[in-house]
Amino acid sequence: MQRERTETERQVAGLLRTARQKLDLSVAFLSRIDETSRTLQVVDSALPDFHDGLAGPRDSGFCLAVVEDRLPRAMPDARGNPEAACLLPPGLPPIRGHLSVPVVLTDGSVYGTFCAFGLETDPEVSPRDLALMEVLADAAALVIEPQVLLDREQERVRSRLEPVFTCGGPDVVVQPIVELAGGTRIGAEALSRFPVAWGRAPDVVFAEAHGVGMGDDLELLSLRCAAALLDEVSGYVSMNVSPRTLLLPECLDLLAELPPDRLLLELSEHEQVADYPALREALEPLRAAGMRLAIDDVGAGFSSLRHIVLTAPDVIKMDRSIVSGLDSDPVLSRLARSLVEFAHDFGVCVIAEGVETPDEHDVLQQLGVDGGQGWLFGRPMSADSLVDEGTALVPFVPRSRSAASRV
């Protein structure tokens, strides 16, 4: 059974059908020529054994010979061309009329060929027929190119990531999290770091990895690297995971092996959650054992309240877009105050991210924010550089709780 065609291939198939019907020929196809092979990617054919996916060596058939100008693009009767006779694939009846046009992308690279041929009972082809094929080949190139560019970019992503997997995962640094009231370090967030030469923030790297089917594995590897720091870092360690990776059995098994009272699990506010009941069910045994849950980047998007209400977290992390400049912006200050009041009403701690100035710290403390994280308290660093003196090893609690301890 042949695989289902992609939308791009269906569009190309329509162009091939046009070529075959207009020229009254038996077969039309798009070939893909790479470094080692020639594949008939899309075929429109009256011959039952001529179909998508047929492949052979790169120099088999007429395609490469046409690209290299060893065969003409239009052969009224290929039986009269000695080189064509030598290249005729085995199992095919003698080809009469043959048209083949290179499919050239905008960067000048040749993707393959747009071809049509007839058998003895089909009419000969003419230069006018070749003009039609050239127009259709150009149209095919326009249809194909977006997918080609996407495939190339995905291959570049995979090539970048492979060494990370080979080396056992990304570098992991930690950033201190402090109690605002007393300045005591109460924990640290484990942060994945990738080569500076990539020019990509970690969230972009993870998004790209998910785009090529490597995201779950990269997240799991990063979690393992972060978990390895538990023996080196006092207090709790905050670790990030996306909701979709969290639901994987491998992820839940890994988290179940870690000391729950040392773990704060952060779910990004940006990440869509397709099934909240399944998420709550997966988290229930971990949270019952003592693991705490945080919602990251609260305030950066539009799903914060839904995330908070439906997951009932222990901690919310106020996004730096609210924190940065709130000492001079009354709108940000009011927004932060509302977020703190909302959280504390339901027994939820608030940690401010991206705290960089003493003035921001002072305002956050006045607003009742429980904890802070940012360059003011320390940039991301190696675990052995983290200052342990005065570390509180027990979770902190918000300053006020309602009678209903949690949503």
Protein backbone atom coordinates (compact mmCIF):
# COMPACT_ATOMS: atom_id res chain seq x y z
CA MET A 1 0.00 0.00 0.00
CA GLN A 2 1.35 3.41 -0.97
CA ARG A 3 1.69 6.09 1.68
CA GLU A 4 -0.71 9.03 1.63
CA ARG A 5 0.55 12.00 -0.34
CA THR A 6 1.35 15.28 1.35
CA GLU A 7 -0.49 18.45 0.36
CA THR A 8 2.57 19.52 -1.65
CA GLU A 9 2.60 16.20 -3.49
CA ARG A 10 -1.12 16.47 -4.24
CA GLN A 11 -0.55 19.85 -5.84
CA VAL A 12 2.31 18.47 -7.93
CA ALA A 13 0.11 15.53 -8.93
CA GLY A 14 -2.41 18.01 -10.34
CA LEU A 15 0.31 19.56 -12.52
CA LEU A 16 1.40 16.13 -13.71
CA ARG A 17 -2.16 15.19 -14.58
CA THR A 18 -2.41 18.38 -16.64
CA ALA A 19 0.80 17.50 -18.51
CA ARG A 20 -0.25 13.94 -19.25
CA GLN A 21 -3.75 14.84 -20.42
CA LYS A 22 -2.71 17.84 -22.53
CA LEU A 23 0.04 15.86 -24.24
CA ASP A 24 -1.91 12.60 -24.49
CA LEU A 25 0.97 10.60 -23.02
CA SER A 26 0.95 7.51 -20.78
CA VAL A 27 3.10 8.68 -17.86
CA ALA A 28 4.08 11.92 -16.13
CA PHE A 29 6.20 12.12 -13.00
CA LEU A 30 8.32 14.30 -10.74
CA SER A 31 11.72 12.81 -9.97
CA ARG A 32 13.89 13.69 -7.00
CA ILE A 33 17.64 13.45 -7.62
CA ASP A 34 19.91 13.43 -4.58
CA GLU A 35 23.54 12.45 -4.03
CA THR A 36 22.93 8.72 -4.37
CA SER A 37 19.55 8.00 -5.89
CA ARG A 38 16.78 8.97 -8.26
CA THR A 39 13.25 8.60 -6.89
CA LEU A 40 9.93 9.03 -8.65
CA GLN A 41 8.36 11.14 -5.92
CA VAL A 42 4.98 11.76 -7.56
CA VAL A 43 3.61 9.80 -10.51
CA ASP A 44 0.53 10.15 -12.69
CA SER A 45 0.42 7.05 -14.86
CA ALA A 46 -1.76 4.82 -17.01
CA LEU A 47 0.72 1.99 -16.33
CA PRO A 48 -0.27 0.09 -13.14
CA ASP A 49 3.31 -0.78 -12.16
CA PHE A 50 4.59 2.78 -12.50
CA HIS A 51 3.86 4.54 -9.19
CA ASP A 52 5.13 6.86 -6.46
CA GLY A 53 8.31 5.77 -4.74
CA LEU A 54 10.02 3.84 -7.50
CA ALA A 55 13.75 4.42 -7.05
CA GLY A 56 17.10 3.51 -8.46
CA PRO A 57 20.69 4.69 -8.57
CA ARG A 58 21.24 8.38 -9.21
CA ASP A 59 22.30 7.81 -12.81
CA SER A 60 19.53 5.36 -13.68
CA GLY A 61 16.89 6.39 -16.19
CA PHE A 62 16.92 9.57 -18.25
CA CYS A 63 16.66 12.19 -15.49
CA LEU A 64 20.30 12.85 -14.61
CA ALA A 65 21.30 12.63 -18.26
CA VAL A 66 18.84 15.42 -19.07
CA VAL A 67 20.10 17.58 -16.18
CA GLU A 68 23.68 17.07 -17.39
CA ASP A 69 22.68 17.78 -21.03
CA ARG A 70 23.64 14.29 -22.18
CA LEU A 71 20.10 13.83 -23.45
CA PRO A 72 17.88 16.48 -25.02
CA ARG A 73 14.88 17.73 -23.08
CA ALA A 74 12.56 16.75 -25.91
CA MET A 75 12.89 13.46 -27.79
CA PRO A 76 10.11 12.93 -30.35
CA ASP A 77 11.04 9.23 -30.37
CA ALA A 78 13.54 8.07 -27.73
CA ARG A 79 14.02 4.78 -29.56
CA GLY A 80 16.21 6.60 -32.06
CA ASN A 81 18.65 7.92 -29.44
CA PRO A 82 21.47 5.41 -28.70
CA GLU A 83 22.24 6.78 -25.22
CA ALA A 84 18.57 6.78 -24.30
CA ALA A 85 18.34 3.16 -25.38
CA CYS A 86 21.22 2.31 -23.03
CA LEU A 87 19.60 4.15 -20.10
CA LEU A 88 16.10 2.75 -20.52
CA PRO A 89 15.12 1.23 -17.14
CA PRO A 90 14.54 -2.53 -17.29
CA GLY A 91 10.95 -3.70 -17.25
CA LEU A 92 9.57 -0.75 -19.20
CA PRO A 93 8.24 -1.08 -22.72
CA PRO A 94 10.09 0.99 -25.35
CA ILE A 95 9.56 4.73 -24.78
CA ARG A 96 8.51 6.80 -27.75
CA GLY A 97 7.99 10.50 -27.07
CA HIS A 98 9.87 11.82 -23.99
CA LEU A 99 9.92 15.26 -22.34
CA SER A 100 12.03 16.13 -19.31
CA VAL A 101 12.67 19.56 -17.73
CA PRO A 102 14.95 20.21 -14.72
CA VAL A 103 13.10 21.54 -11.67
CA VAL A 104 15.29 24.41 -10.49
CA LEU A 105 14.84 26.17 -7.15
CA THR A 106 15.41 29.89 -6.59
CA ASP A 107 18.94 29.31 -5.27
CA GLY A 108 19.86 27.62 -8.56
CA SER A 109 19.95 24.10 -7.17
CA VAL A 110 18.32 21.31 -9.18
CA TYR A 111 15.69 19.41 -7.24
CA GLY A 112 15.00 16.84 -9.95
CA THR A 113 13.05 16.68 -13.20
CA PHE A 114 9.47 17.12 -14.37
CA CYS A 115 8.93 14.41 -17.00
CA ALA A 116 6.35 12.87 -19.29
CA PHE A 117 6.68 10.05 -21.80
CA GLY A 118 4.59 8.01 -24.15
CA LEU A 119 4.67 4.49 -25.53
CA GLU A 120 4.41 3.28 -29.12
CA THR A 121 0.70 4.04 -29.24
CA ASP A 122 1.16 7.62 -27.95
CA PRO A 123 1.86 10.60 -30.23
CA GLU A 124 5.30 12.06 -30.75
CA VAL A 125 6.22 15.19 -28.82
CA SER A 126 7.15 18.59 -30.23
CA PRO A 127 8.96 21.80 -29.16
CA ARG A 128 5.55 23.28 -28.39
CA ASP A 129 4.95 20.41 -25.97
CA LEU A 130 8.30 21.19 -24.32
CA ALA A 131 7.17 24.79 -23.72
CA LEU A 132 4.16 23.52 -21.77
CA MET A 133 6.40 21.22 -19.70
CA GLU A 134 8.73 24.11 -18.88
CA VAL A 135 5.83 26.19 -17.58
CA LEU A 136 4.54 23.28 -15.49
CA ALA A 137 8.05 22.52 -14.19
CA ASP A 138 8.38 26.14 -13.02
CA ALA A 139 5.03 25.85 -11.28
CA ALA A 140 6.16 22.62 -9.63
CA ALA A 141 9.31 24.33 -8.36
CA LEU A 142 7.20 27.05 -6.71
CA VAL A 143 5.03 24.42 -5.04
CA ILE A 144 7.98 22.30 -3.88
CA GLU A 145 10.35 24.98 -2.62
CA PRO A 146 8.67 25.84 0.73
CA GLN A 147 8.79 22.18 1.79
CA VAL A 148 12.37 21.85 0.54
CA LEU A 149 13.42 24.86 2.62
CA LEU A 150 11.60 23.45 5.65
CA ASP A 151 13.27 20.06 5.19
CA ARG A 152 16.67 21.70 4.92
CA GLU A 153 16.12 23.75 8.07
CA GLN A 154 14.93 20.68 9.95
CA GLU A 155 18.02 18.80 8.86
CA ARG A 156 20.17 21.69 10.11
CA VAL A 157 18.36 21.52 13.46
CA ARG A 158 18.91 17.77 13.72
CA SER A 159 22.58 18.19 12.84
CA ARG A 160 22.99 20.84 15.55
CA LEU A 161 21.29 18.72 18.18
CA GLU A 162 23.01 15.41 17.52
CA PRO A 163 26.28 16.39 19.30
CA VAL A 164 24.25 17.47 22.35
CA PHE A 165 22.75 13.99 22.60
CA THR A 166 26.10 12.36 21.95
CA CYS A 167 27.69 14.35 24.80
CA GLY A 168 24.96 13.34 27.25
CA GLY A 169 22.85 16.48 27.21
CA PRO A 170 23.11 20.27 27.44
CA ASP A 171 25.15 22.16 29.97
CA VAL A 172 23.04 22.92 33.04
CA VAL A 173 23.57 25.98 35.20
CA VAL A 174 21.65 27.15 38.25
CA GLN A 175 20.25 30.52 39.25
CA PRO A 176 19.49 31.30 42.88
CA ILE A 177 15.95 31.89 44.11
CA VAL A 178 15.74 33.95 47.30
CA GLU A 179 13.14 34.85 49.88
CA LEU A 180 12.51 38.57 49.39
CA ALA A 181 11.83 39.33 53.05
CA GLY A 182 15.16 38.08 54.38
CA GLY A 183 17.33 37.52 51.33
CA THR A 184 17.87 33.86 52.18
CA ARG A 185 18.41 31.56 49.25
CA ILE A 186 15.64 28.99 49.29
CA GLY A 187 16.31 27.19 46.03
CA ALA A 188 17.72 27.38 42.55
CA GLU A 189 16.40 26.93 39.05
CA ALA A 190 18.21 24.52 36.75
CA LEU A 191 18.64 26.08 33.32
CA SER A 192 19.79 24.35 30.13
CA ARG A 193 22.43 26.09 28.08
CA PHE A 194 23.45 25.48 24.47
CA PRO A 195 26.46 26.66 22.44
CA VAL A 196 26.62 30.46 22.14
CA ALA A 197 27.56 30.06 18.47
CA TRP A 198 24.02 28.82 17.77
CA GLY A 199 22.65 32.28 18.55
CA ARG A 200 19.45 30.76 19.97
CA ALA A 201 17.80 31.12 23.35
CA PRO A 202 17.06 27.82 25.14
CA ASP A 203 13.29 28.12 24.60
CA VAL A 204 13.92 28.47 20.86
CA VAL A 205 16.19 25.42 20.87
CA PHE A 206 13.54 23.32 22.62
CA ALA A 207 10.84 24.56 20.22
CA GLU A 208 13.02 23.67 17.23
CA ALA A 209 13.74 20.25 18.73
CA HIS A 210 10.01 19.57 19.09
CA GLY A 211 9.59 20.67 15.48
CA VAL A 212 11.84 17.86 14.27
CA GLY A 213 10.56 15.19 16.66
CA MET A 214 13.49 15.44 19.08
CA GLY A 215 11.90 17.71 21.69
CA ASP A 216 10.68 15.09 24.14
CA ASP A 217 14.05 13.35 24.17
CA LEU A 218 15.88 16.66 24.66
CA GLU A 219 13.60 17.62 27.55
CA LEU A 220 14.09 14.24 29.21
CA LEU A 221 17.84 14.50 28.80
CA SER A 222 17.80 18.00 30.28
CA LEU A 223 15.74 16.80 33.24
CA ARG A 224 18.25 14.04 33.92
CA CYS A 225 21.10 16.56 33.79
CA ALA A 226 19.21 18.84 36.19
CA ALA A 227 18.41 15.94 38.52
CA ALA A 228 22.10 15.14 38.74
CA LEU A 229 22.59 18.49 40.51
CA LEU A 230 20.38 17.56 43.47
CA ASP A 231 23.39 16.17 45.32
CA GLU A 232 25.33 19.40 44.71
CA VAL A 233 22.66 22.03 45.43
CA SER A 234 20.97 22.57 48.77
CA GLY A 235 17.40 23.76 49.00
CA TYR A 236 14.95 22.84 46.30
CA VAL A 237 15.80 22.61 42.58
CA SER A 238 13.32 24.01 40.11
CA MET A 239 13.14 22.07 36.85
CA ASN A 240 11.29 22.93 33.64
CA VAL A 241 9.17 20.59 31.54
CA SER A 242 6.48 21.08 28.91
CA PRO A 243 3.03 19.59 29.59
CA ARG A 244 3.26 17.23 26.59
CA THR A 245 6.61 15.82 27.70
CA LEU A 246 5.41 15.53 31.28
CA LEU A 247 2.66 13.11 30.21
CA LEU A 248 5.18 10.63 28.79
CA PRO A 249 5.64 7.51 30.97
CA GLU A 250 9.44 7.96 30.78
CA CYS A 251 9.15 11.45 32.26
CA LEU A 252 6.78 10.41 35.05
CA ASP A 253 9.06 7.48 35.93
CA LEU A 254 12.06 9.81 36.08
CA LEU A 255 10.29 12.30 38.34
CA ALA A 256 9.08 9.50 40.62
CA GLU A 257 12.71 8.54 41.28
CA LEU A 258 13.62 12.02 42.58
CA PRO A 259 13.17 13.26 46.17
CA PRO A 260 9.80 15.02 45.91
CA ASP A 261 10.45 17.55 48.69
CA ARG A 262 13.52 18.82 46.79
CA LEU A 263 11.69 19.31 43.51
CA LEU A 264 9.72 22.26 42.14
CA LEU A 265 8.36 21.35 38.71
CA GLU A 266 7.76 24.30 36.38
CA LEU A 267 5.20 24.18 33.58
CA SER A 268 5.48 26.96 31.02
CA GLU A 269 2.53 29.31 30.71
CA HIS A 270 3.22 29.47 26.96
CA GLU A 271 2.64 25.76 26.39
CA GLN A 272 -0.82 24.67 25.30
CA VAL A 273 -2.44 21.96 27.41
CA ALA A 274 -4.68 19.67 25.38
CA ASP A 275 -5.99 17.59 28.28
CA TYR A 276 -6.05 19.13 31.75
CA PRO A 277 -7.68 16.08 33.42
CA ALA A 278 -4.88 13.85 32.10
CA LEU A 279 -2.30 16.36 33.35
CA ARG A 280 -3.81 16.49 36.82
CA GLU A 281 -4.04 12.71 36.96
CA ALA A 282 -0.37 12.34 35.99
CA LEU A 283 0.72 14.89 38.61
CA GLU A 284 -1.46 13.62 41.45
CA PRO A 285 0.84 10.88 42.83
CA LEU A 286 3.90 13.11 42.53
CA ARG A 287 2.24 16.00 44.35
CA ALA A 288 0.80 13.66 46.97
CA ALA A 289 4.37 12.55 47.67
CA GLY A 290 5.46 16.15 48.24
CA MET A 291 6.51 17.53 44.89
CA ARG A 292 5.45 21.13 44.30
CA LEU A 293 4.13 22.53 41.03
CA ALA A 294 4.87 25.96 39.57
CA ILE A 295 3.41 27.78 36.58
CA ASP A 296 6.19 29.62 34.78
CA ASP A 297 6.04 32.93 32.90
CA VAL A 298 2.72 34.02 34.39
CA GLY A 299 1.66 37.26 32.76
CA ALA A 300 3.55 36.71 29.51
CA GLY A 301 0.50 35.45 27.60
CA PHE A 302 -3.24 35.06 27.81
CA SER A 303 -3.73 31.61 29.33
CA SER A 304 -2.28 32.32 32.80
CA LEU A 305 -5.52 32.29 34.75
CA ARG A 306 -6.80 29.16 33.02
CA HIS A 307 -3.47 27.42 33.68
CA ILE A 308 -3.57 28.43 37.33
CA VAL A 309 -7.21 27.56 37.96
CA LEU A 310 -7.04 24.17 36.24
CA THR A 311 -3.70 23.01 37.67
CA ALA A 312 -3.93 24.50 41.19
CA PRO A 313 -0.18 25.15 41.47
CA ASP A 314 1.80 25.70 44.65
CA VAL A 315 3.86 28.49 43.05
CA ILE A 316 3.39 30.99 40.27
CA LYS A 317 6.40 32.70 38.71
CA MET A 318 5.68 36.29 37.73
CA ASP A 319 7.10 36.93 34.26
CA ARG A 320 9.86 39.49 33.88
CA SER A 321 7.64 41.48 31.49
CA ILE A 322 5.70 42.54 34.61
CA VAL A 323 8.73 42.86 36.90
CA SER A 324 11.00 44.92 34.67
CA GLY A 325 10.35 48.59 35.41
CA LEU A 326 7.42 48.10 37.78
CA ASP A 327 9.12 50.53 40.22
CA SER A 328 8.43 53.36 37.76
CA ASP A 329 5.31 52.08 36.00
CA PRO A 330 2.11 52.22 38.10
CA VAL A 331 0.26 49.94 35.67
CA LEU A 332 2.82 47.17 36.10
CA SER A 333 2.87 47.72 39.84
CA ARG A 334 -0.91 47.41 40.04
CA LEU A 335 -0.86 44.31 37.86
CA ALA A 336 1.76 42.72 40.12
CA ARG A 337 -0.27 43.61 43.22
CA SER A 338 -3.41 42.02 41.75
CA LEU A 339 -1.48 38.88 40.88
CA VAL A 340 -0.07 38.63 44.41
CA GLU A 341 -3.48 39.15 46.00
CA PHE A 342 -5.06 36.57 43.73
CA ALA A 343 -2.35 34.00 44.46
CA HIS A 344 -2.25 34.54 48.21
CA ASP A 345 -6.03 34.25 48.47
CA PHE A 346 -5.61 30.64 47.37
CA GLY A 347 -2.45 29.81 49.27
CA VAL A 348 -0.13 30.10 46.29
CA CYS A 349 3.42 31.47 46.55
CA VAL A 350 4.64 34.13 44.12
CA ILE A 351 8.20 34.30 42.79
CA ALA A 352 9.20 37.27 40.66
CA GLU A 353 11.48 36.54 37.71
CA GLY A 354 13.97 38.93 36.15
CA VAL A 355 14.61 41.08 39.24
CA GLU A 356 17.56 43.28 38.30
CA THR A 357 17.51 46.45 40.40
CA PRO A 358 17.20 47.31 44.12
CA ASP A 359 14.19 49.52 43.32
CA GLU A 360 12.36 46.60 41.69
CA HIS A 361 13.23 44.48 44.71
CA ASP A 362 11.87 47.09 47.13
CA VAL A 363 8.55 47.44 45.30
CA LEU A 364 8.13 43.68 44.99
CA GLN A 365 8.75 43.27 48.70
CA GLN A 366 6.21 46.01 49.49
CA LEU A 367 3.67 44.22 47.29
CA GLY A 368 4.10 41.03 49.26
CA VAL A 369 5.90 38.94 46.64
CA ASP A 370 7.37 35.89 48.38
CA GLY A 371 10.50 35.13 46.38
CA GLY A 372 12.71 36.56 43.71
CA GLN A 373 15.01 35.42 40.96
CA GLY A 374 17.19 37.52 38.70
CA TRP A 375 20.56 39.13 38.17
CA LEU A 376 20.19 41.17 41.36
CA PHE A 377 20.56 37.93 43.32
CA GLY A 378 22.91 36.12 40.96
CA ARG A 379 23.32 35.23 37.34
CA PRO A 380 23.08 31.61 36.15
CA MET A 381 26.20 29.81 37.36
CA SER A 382 27.72 26.40 37.87
CA ALA A 383 26.39 24.41 40.82
CA ASP A 384 29.71 24.60 42.67
CA SER A 385 29.60 28.42 42.52
CA LEU A 386 26.24 28.66 44.27
CA VAL A 387 26.51 30.14 47.75
CA ASP A 388 25.03 27.77 50.34
CA GLU A 389 25.44 29.85 53.48
CA GLY A 390 22.09 30.60 55.06
CA THR A 391 20.15 28.39 52.67
CA ALA A 392 16.68 27.46 53.90
CA LEU A 393 16.02 23.80 53.21
CA VAL A 394 12.26 23.95 53.80
CA PRO A 395 9.67 25.35 51.41
CA PHE A 396 8.48 28.87 52.14
CA VAL A 397 4.80 29.74 52.41
CA PRO A 398 2.90 32.83 51.28
CA ARG A 399 2.17 35.52 53.82
CA SER A 400 -1.59 34.94 53.92
CA ARG A 401 -3.83 32.02 53.23
CA SER A 402 -7.55 31.76 52.83
CA ALA A 403 -9.59 29.15 54.60
CA ALA A 404 -9.60 27.23 51.34
CA SER A 405 -5.92 26.36 51.20
CA ARG A 406 -5.78 25.76 47.45
CA VAL A 407 -7.88 26.10 44.32
